[in-house]
Amino acid sequence: MEVKVLCNAETIEAVAETVSTCSRSGLNMQHMIGDLEKPVHLYDWKTFLALLFIPLKNI
């Protein structure tokens, strides 16, 4: 299997631009940590989902 290199990014901003331009459907969106206009939110999904689902042992 051949891997095709799409760009030669030297900065984190260049990597973010690559994410934006390489998404055909627009689902891949870059978010920079520390950006006050578009903050990155982190969630405790395990605790949240525990309210909605019953854990099953040995899965």
PDB file of N, CA and C in Angstrom:
ATOM      1  N   MET A   1       0.843  -1.173   0.000  1.00  0.00           N
ATOM      2  CA  MET A   1       0.000   0.000   0.000  1.00  0.00           C
ATOM      3  C   MET A   1       0.888   1.236   0.000  1.00  0.00           C
ATOM      4  N   GLU A   2       0.642   2.123  -0.911  1.00  0.00           N
ATOM      5  CA  GLU A   2       1.450   3.334  -1.035  1.00  0.00           C
ATOM      6  C   GLU A   2       0.798   4.480  -0.265  1.00  0.00           C
ATOM      7  N   VAL A   3       1.603   5.191   0.511  1.00  0.00           N
ATOM      8  CA  VAL A   3       1.115   6.344   1.258  1.00  0.00           C
ATOM      9  C   VAL A   3       1.512   7.594   0.492  1.00  0.00           C
ATOM     10  N   LYS A   4       0.540   8.437   0.237  1.00  0.00           N
ATOM     11  CA  LYS A   4       0.784   9.651  -0.523  1.00  0.00           C
ATOM     12  C   LYS A   4       0.899  10.834   0.438  1.00  0.00           C
ATOM     13  N   VAL A   5       1.992  11.584   0.349  1.00  0.00           N
ATOM     14  CA  VAL A   5       2.194  12.756   1.186  1.00  0.00           C
ATOM     15  C   VAL A   5       1.527  13.939   0.509  1.00  0.00           C
ATOM     16  N   LEU A   6       0.573  14.567   1.227  1.00  0.00           N
ATOM     17  CA  LEU A   6      -0.188  15.665   0.647  1.00  0.00           C
ATOM     18  C   LEU A   6       0.496  17.014   0.812  1.00  0.00           C
ATOM     19  N   CYS A   7       1.245  17.183   1.865  1.00  0.00           N
ATOM     20  CA  CYS A   7       1.949  18.441   2.055  1.00  0.00           C
ATOM     21  C   CYS A   7       3.127  18.229   2.984  1.00  0.00           C
ATOM     22  N   ASN A   8       4.001  19.213   3.017  1.00  0.00           N
ATOM     23  CA  ASN A   8       5.160  19.181   3.889  1.00  0.00           C
ATOM     24  C   ASN A   8       4.964  20.276   4.937  1.00  0.00           C
ATOM     25  N   ALA A   9       4.239  19.966   6.002  1.00  0.00           N
ATOM     26  CA  ALA A   9       3.913  20.955   7.028  1.00  0.00           C
ATOM     27  C   ALA A   9       5.079  21.117   7.988  1.00  0.00           C
ATOM     28  N   GLU A  10       5.438  22.363   8.234  1.00  0.00           N
ATOM     29  CA  GLU A  10       6.523  22.659   9.165  1.00  0.00           C
ATOM     30  C   GLU A  10       6.035  23.344  10.428  1.00  0.00           C
ATOM     31  N   THR A  11       4.772  23.764  10.460  1.00  0.00           N
ATOM     32  CA  THR A  11       4.215  24.407  11.645  1.00  0.00           C
ATOM     33  C   THR A  11       2.867  23.786  11.972  1.00  0.00           C
ATOM     34  N   ILE A  12       2.408  24.008  13.193  1.00  0.00           N
ATOM     35  CA  ILE A  12       1.105  23.486  13.594  1.00  0.00           C
ATOM     36  C   ILE A  12      -0.004  24.156  12.798  1.00  0.00           C
ATOM     37  N   GLU A  13       0.198  25.400  12.415  1.00  0.00           N
ATOM     38  CA  GLU A  13      -0.783  26.101  11.592  1.00  0.00           C
ATOM     39  C   GLU A  13      -0.894  25.452  10.214  1.00  0.00           C
ATOM     40  N   ALA A  14       0.233  24.997   9.664  1.00  0.00           N
ATOM     41  CA  ALA A  14       0.223  24.314   8.368  1.00  0.00           C
ATOM     42  C   ALA A  14      -0.511  22.976   8.458  1.00  0.00           C
ATOM     43  N   VAL A  15      -0.353  22.291   9.571  1.00  0.00           N
ATOM     44  CA  VAL A  15      -1.082  21.030   9.775  1.00  0.00           C
ATOM     45  C   VAL A  15      -2.580  21.313   9.864  1.00  0.00           C
ATOM     46  N   ALA A  16      -2.959  22.362  10.591  1.00  0.00           N
ATOM     47  CA  ALA A  16      -4.370  22.729  10.708  1.00  0.00           C
ATOM     48  C   ALA A  16      -4.953  23.081   9.347  1.00  0.00           C
ATOM     49  N   GLU A  17      -4.213  23.783   8.532  1.00  0.00           N
ATOM     50  CA  GLU A  17      -4.681  24.130   7.185  1.00  0.00           C
ATOM     51  C   GLU A  17      -4.864  22.879   6.332  1.00  0.00           C
ATOM     52  N   THR A  18      -3.979  21.914   6.486  1.00  0.00           N
ATOM     53  CA  THR A  18      -4.088  20.658   5.744  1.00  0.00           C
ATOM     54  C   THR A  18      -5.361  19.915   6.128  1.00  0.00           C
ATOM     55  N   VAL A  19      -5.691  19.907   7.416  1.00  0.00           N
ATOM     56  CA  VAL A  19      -6.929  19.252   7.868  1.00  0.00           C
ATOM     57  C   VAL A  19      -8.132  19.898   7.197  1.00  0.00           C
ATOM     58  N   SER A  20      -8.142  21.217   7.150  1.00  0.00           N
ATOM     59  CA  SER A  20      -9.272  21.943   6.550  1.00  0.00           C
ATOM     60  C   SER A  20      -9.403  21.666   5.060  1.00  0.00           C
ATOM     61  N   THR A  21      -8.303  21.707   4.357  1.00  0.00           N
ATOM     62  CA  THR A  21      -8.358  21.583   2.902  1.00  0.00           C
ATOM     63  C   THR A  21      -8.509  20.149   2.418  1.00  0.00           C
ATOM     64  N   CYS A  22      -8.202  19.166   3.246  1.00  0.00           N
ATOM     65  CA  CYS A  22      -8.255  17.771   2.808  1.00  0.00           C
ATOM     66  C   CYS A  22      -9.604  17.107   3.075  1.00  0.00           C
ATOM     67  N   SER A  23     -10.505  17.783   3.730  1.00  0.00           N
ATOM     68  CA  SER A  23     -11.810  17.207   4.020  1.00  0.00           C
ATOM     69  C   SER A  23     -12.772  17.505   2.879  1.00  0.00           C
ATOM     70  N   ARG A  24     -13.155  16.482   2.144  1.00  0.00           N
ATOM     71  CA  ARG A  24     -14.078  16.670   1.015  1.00  0.00           C
ATOM     72  C   ARG A  24     -15.473  17.060   1.484  1.00  0.00           C
ATOM     73  N   SER A  25     -15.922  16.470   2.588  1.00  0.00           N
ATOM     74  CA  SER A  25     -17.283  16.718   3.058  1.00  0.00           C
ATOM     75  C   SER A  25     -17.364  17.833   4.096  1.00  0.00           C
ATOM     76  N   GLY A  26     -16.223  18.305   4.574  1.00  0.00           N
ATOM     77  CA  GLY A  26     -16.217  19.359   5.576  1.00  0.00           C
ATOM     78  C   GLY A  26     -16.376  18.855   7.002  1.00  0.00           C
ATOM     79  N   LEU A  27     -16.315  17.534   7.202  1.00  0.00           N
ATOM     80  CA  LEU A  27     -16.463  16.990   8.544  1.00  0.00           C
ATOM     81  C   LEU A  27     -15.209  17.159   9.393  1.00  0.00           C
ATOM     82  N   ASN A  28     -14.047  17.134   8.769  1.00  0.00           N
ATOM     83  CA  ASN A  28     -12.810  17.324   9.510  1.00  0.00           C
ATOM     84  C   ASN A  28     -12.576  18.817   9.707  1.00  0.00           C
ATOM     85  N   MET A  29     -12.563  19.233  10.962  1.00  0.00           N
ATOM     86  CA  MET A  29     -12.351  20.641  11.270  1.00  0.00           C
ATOM     87  C   MET A  29     -11.217  20.750  12.267  1.00  0.00           C
ATOM     88  N   GLN A  30     -10.323  21.676  12.028  1.00  0.00           N
ATOM     89  CA  GLN A  30      -9.213  21.866  12.956  1.00  0.00           C
ATOM     90  C   GLN A  30      -9.632  22.813  14.068  1.00  0.00           C
ATOM     91  N   HIS A  31      -9.131  22.566  15.253  1.00  0.00           N
ATOM     92  CA  HIS A  31      -9.336  23.455  16.392  1.00  0.00           C
ATOM     93  C   HIS A  31      -7.997  23.597  17.090  1.00  0.00           C
ATOM     94  N   MET A  32      -7.555  24.815  17.231  1.00  0.00           N
ATOM     95  CA  MET A  32      -6.266  25.074  17.858  1.00  0.00           C
ATOM     96  C   MET A  32      -6.462  25.251  19.362  1.00  0.00           C
ATOM     97  N   ILE A  33      -5.667  24.565  20.153  1.00  0.00           N
ATOM     98  CA  ILE A  33      -5.695  24.728  21.601  1.00  0.00           C
ATOM     99  C   ILE A  33      -5.238  26.147  21.918  1.00  0.00           C
ATOM    100  N   GLY A  34      -5.958  26.836  22.789  1.00  0.00           N
ATOM    101  CA  GLY A  34      -5.606  28.199  23.169  1.00  0.00           C
ATOM    102  C   GLY A  34      -6.300  29.267  22.341  1.00  0.00           C
ATOM    103  N   ASP A  35      -7.090  28.877  21.340  1.00  0.00           N
ATOM    104  CA  ASP A  35      -7.820  29.841  20.523  1.00  0.00           C
ATOM    105  C   ASP A  35      -9.046  30.295  21.313  1.00  0.00           C
ATOM    106  N   LEU A  36      -9.086  31.576  21.702  1.00  0.00           N
ATOM    107  CA  LEU A  36     -10.179  32.083  22.524  1.00  0.00           C
ATOM    108  C   LEU A  36     -11.477  32.240  21.747  1.00  0.00           C
ATOM    109  N   GLU A  37     -11.408  32.378  20.433  1.00  0.00           N
ATOM    110  CA  GLU A  37     -12.613  32.519  19.624  1.00  0.00           C
ATOM    111  C   GLU A  37     -13.303  31.172  19.388  1.00  0.00           C
ATOM    112  N   LYS A  38     -12.537  30.105  19.269  1.00  0.00           N
ATOM    113  CA  LYS A  38     -13.076  28.757  19.060  1.00  0.00           C
ATOM    114  C   LYS A  38     -12.424  27.810  20.072  1.00  0.00           C
ATOM    115  N   PRO A  39     -12.844  27.872  21.333  1.00  0.00           N
ATOM    116  CA  PRO A  39     -12.184  27.039  22.344  1.00  0.00           C
ATOM    117  C   PRO A  39     -12.467  25.551  22.137  1.00  0.00           C
ATOM    118  N   VAL A  40     -11.535  24.727  22.561  1.00  0.00           N
ATOM    119  CA  VAL A  40     -11.688  23.277  22.508  1.00  0.00           C
ATOM    120  C   VAL A  40     -12.283  22.830  23.837  1.00  0.00           C
ATOM    121  N   HIS A  41     -13.423  22.155  23.785  1.00  0.00           N
ATOM    122  CA  HIS A  41     -14.094  21.683  24.993  1.00  0.00           C
ATOM    123  C   HIS A  41     -13.790  20.200  25.176  1.00  0.00           C
ATOM    124  N   LEU A  42     -13.438  19.827  26.383  1.00  0.00           N
ATOM    125  CA  LEU A  42     -13.178  18.435  26.722  1.00  0.00           C
ATOM    126  C   LEU A  42     -14.283  17.951  27.652  1.00  0.00           C
ATOM    127  N   TYR A  43     -14.717  16.734  27.446  1.00  0.00           N
ATOM    128  CA  TYR A  43     -15.821  16.181  28.221  1.00  0.00           C
ATOM    129  C   TYR A  43     -15.426  14.863  28.858  1.00  0.00           C
ATOM    130  N   ASP A  44     -16.031  14.567  29.993  1.00  0.00           N
ATOM    131  CA  ASP A  44     -15.859  13.276  30.654  1.00  0.00           C
ATOM    132  C   ASP A  44     -16.977  12.362  30.164  1.00  0.00           C
ATOM    133  N   TRP A  45     -16.751  11.740  29.000  1.00  0.00           N
ATOM    134  CA  TRP A  45     -17.791  10.942  28.358  1.00  0.00           C
ATOM    135  C   TRP A  45     -18.167   9.713  29.173  1.00  0.00           C
ATOM    136  N   LYS A  46     -17.223   9.130  29.890  1.00  0.00           N
ATOM    137  CA  LYS A  46     -17.529   7.923  30.663  1.00  0.00           C
ATOM    138  C   LYS A  46     -18.584   8.230  31.732  1.00  0.00           C
ATOM    139  N   THR A  47     -18.422   9.340  32.436  1.00  0.00           N
ATOM    140  CA  THR A  47     -19.390   9.719  33.455  1.00  0.00           C
ATOM    141  C   THR A  47     -20.729  10.081  32.834  1.00  0.00           C
ATOM    142  N   PHE A  48     -20.719  10.832  31.754  1.00  0.00           N
ATOM    143  CA  PHE A  48     -21.953  11.236  31.082  1.00  0.00           C
ATOM    144  C   PHE A  48     -22.732  10.023  30.571  1.00  0.00           C
ATOM    145  N   LEU A  49     -22.045   9.116  29.892  1.00  0.00           N
ATOM    146  CA  LEU A  49     -22.728   7.953  29.320  1.00  0.00           C
ATOM    147  C   LEU A  49     -23.183   6.965  30.383  1.00  0.00           C
ATOM    148  N   ALA A  50     -22.555   6.975  31.549  1.00  0.00           N
ATOM    149  CA  ALA A  50     -22.968   6.089  32.636  1.00  0.00           C
ATOM    150  C   ALA A  50     -24.373   6.440  33.122  1.00  0.00           C
ATOM    151  N   LEU A  51     -24.797   7.676  32.901  1.00  0.00           N
ATOM    152  CA  LEU A  51     -26.154   8.072  33.274  1.00  0.00           C
ATOM    153  C   LEU A  51     -27.198   7.508  32.313  1.00  0.00           C
ATOM    154  N   LEU A  52     -26.780   7.144  31.121  1.00  0.00           N
ATOM    155  CA  LEU A  52     -27.701   6.708  30.083  1.00  0.00           C
ATOM    156  C   LEU A  52     -27.667   5.209  29.803  1.00  0.00           C
ATOM    157  N   PHE A  53     -26.569   4.549  30.188  1.00  0.00           N
ATOM    158  CA  PHE A  53     -26.393   3.137  29.856  1.00  0.00           C
ATOM    159  C   PHE A  53     -26.008   2.348  31.098  1.00  0.00           C
ATOM    160  N   ILE A  54     -26.344   1.078  31.077  1.00  0.00           N
ATOM    161  CA  ILE A  54     -25.945   0.168  32.155  1.00  0.00           C
ATOM    162  C   ILE A  54     -24.684  -0.574  31.699  1.00  0.00           C
ATOM    163  N   PRO A  55     -23.623  -0.526  32.476  1.00  0.00           N
ATOM    164  CA  PRO A  55     -22.397  -1.231  32.072  1.00  0.00           C
ATOM    165  C   PRO A  55     -22.587  -2.751  32.115  1.00  0.00           C
ATOM    166  N   LEU A  56     -22.033  -3.438  31.148  1.00  0.00           N
ATOM    167  CA  LEU A  56     -22.076  -4.896  31.086  1.00  0.00           C
ATOM    168  C   LEU A  56     -20.689  -5.436  31.362  1.00  0.00           C
ATOM    169  N   LYS A  57     -20.612  -6.420  32.240  1.00  0.00           N
ATOM    170  CA  LYS A  57     -19.319  -7.006  32.590  1.00  0.00           C
ATOM    171  C   LYS A  57     -18.855  -7.991  31.518  1.00  0.00           C
ATOM    172  N   ASN A  58     -17.555  -8.155  31.431  1.00  0.00           N
ATOM    173  CA  ASN A  58     -16.899  -9.140  30.572  1.00  0.00           C
ATOM    174  C   ASN A  58     -17.181  -8.937  29.079  1.00  0.00           C
ATOM    175  N   ILE A  59     -17.275  -7.700  28.659  1.00  0.00           N
ATOM    176  CA  ILE A  59     -17.428  -7.452  27.217  1.00  0.00           C
ATOM    177  C   ILE A  59     -16.104  -7.002  26.683  1.00  0.00           C
TER     178      ILE A  59
END
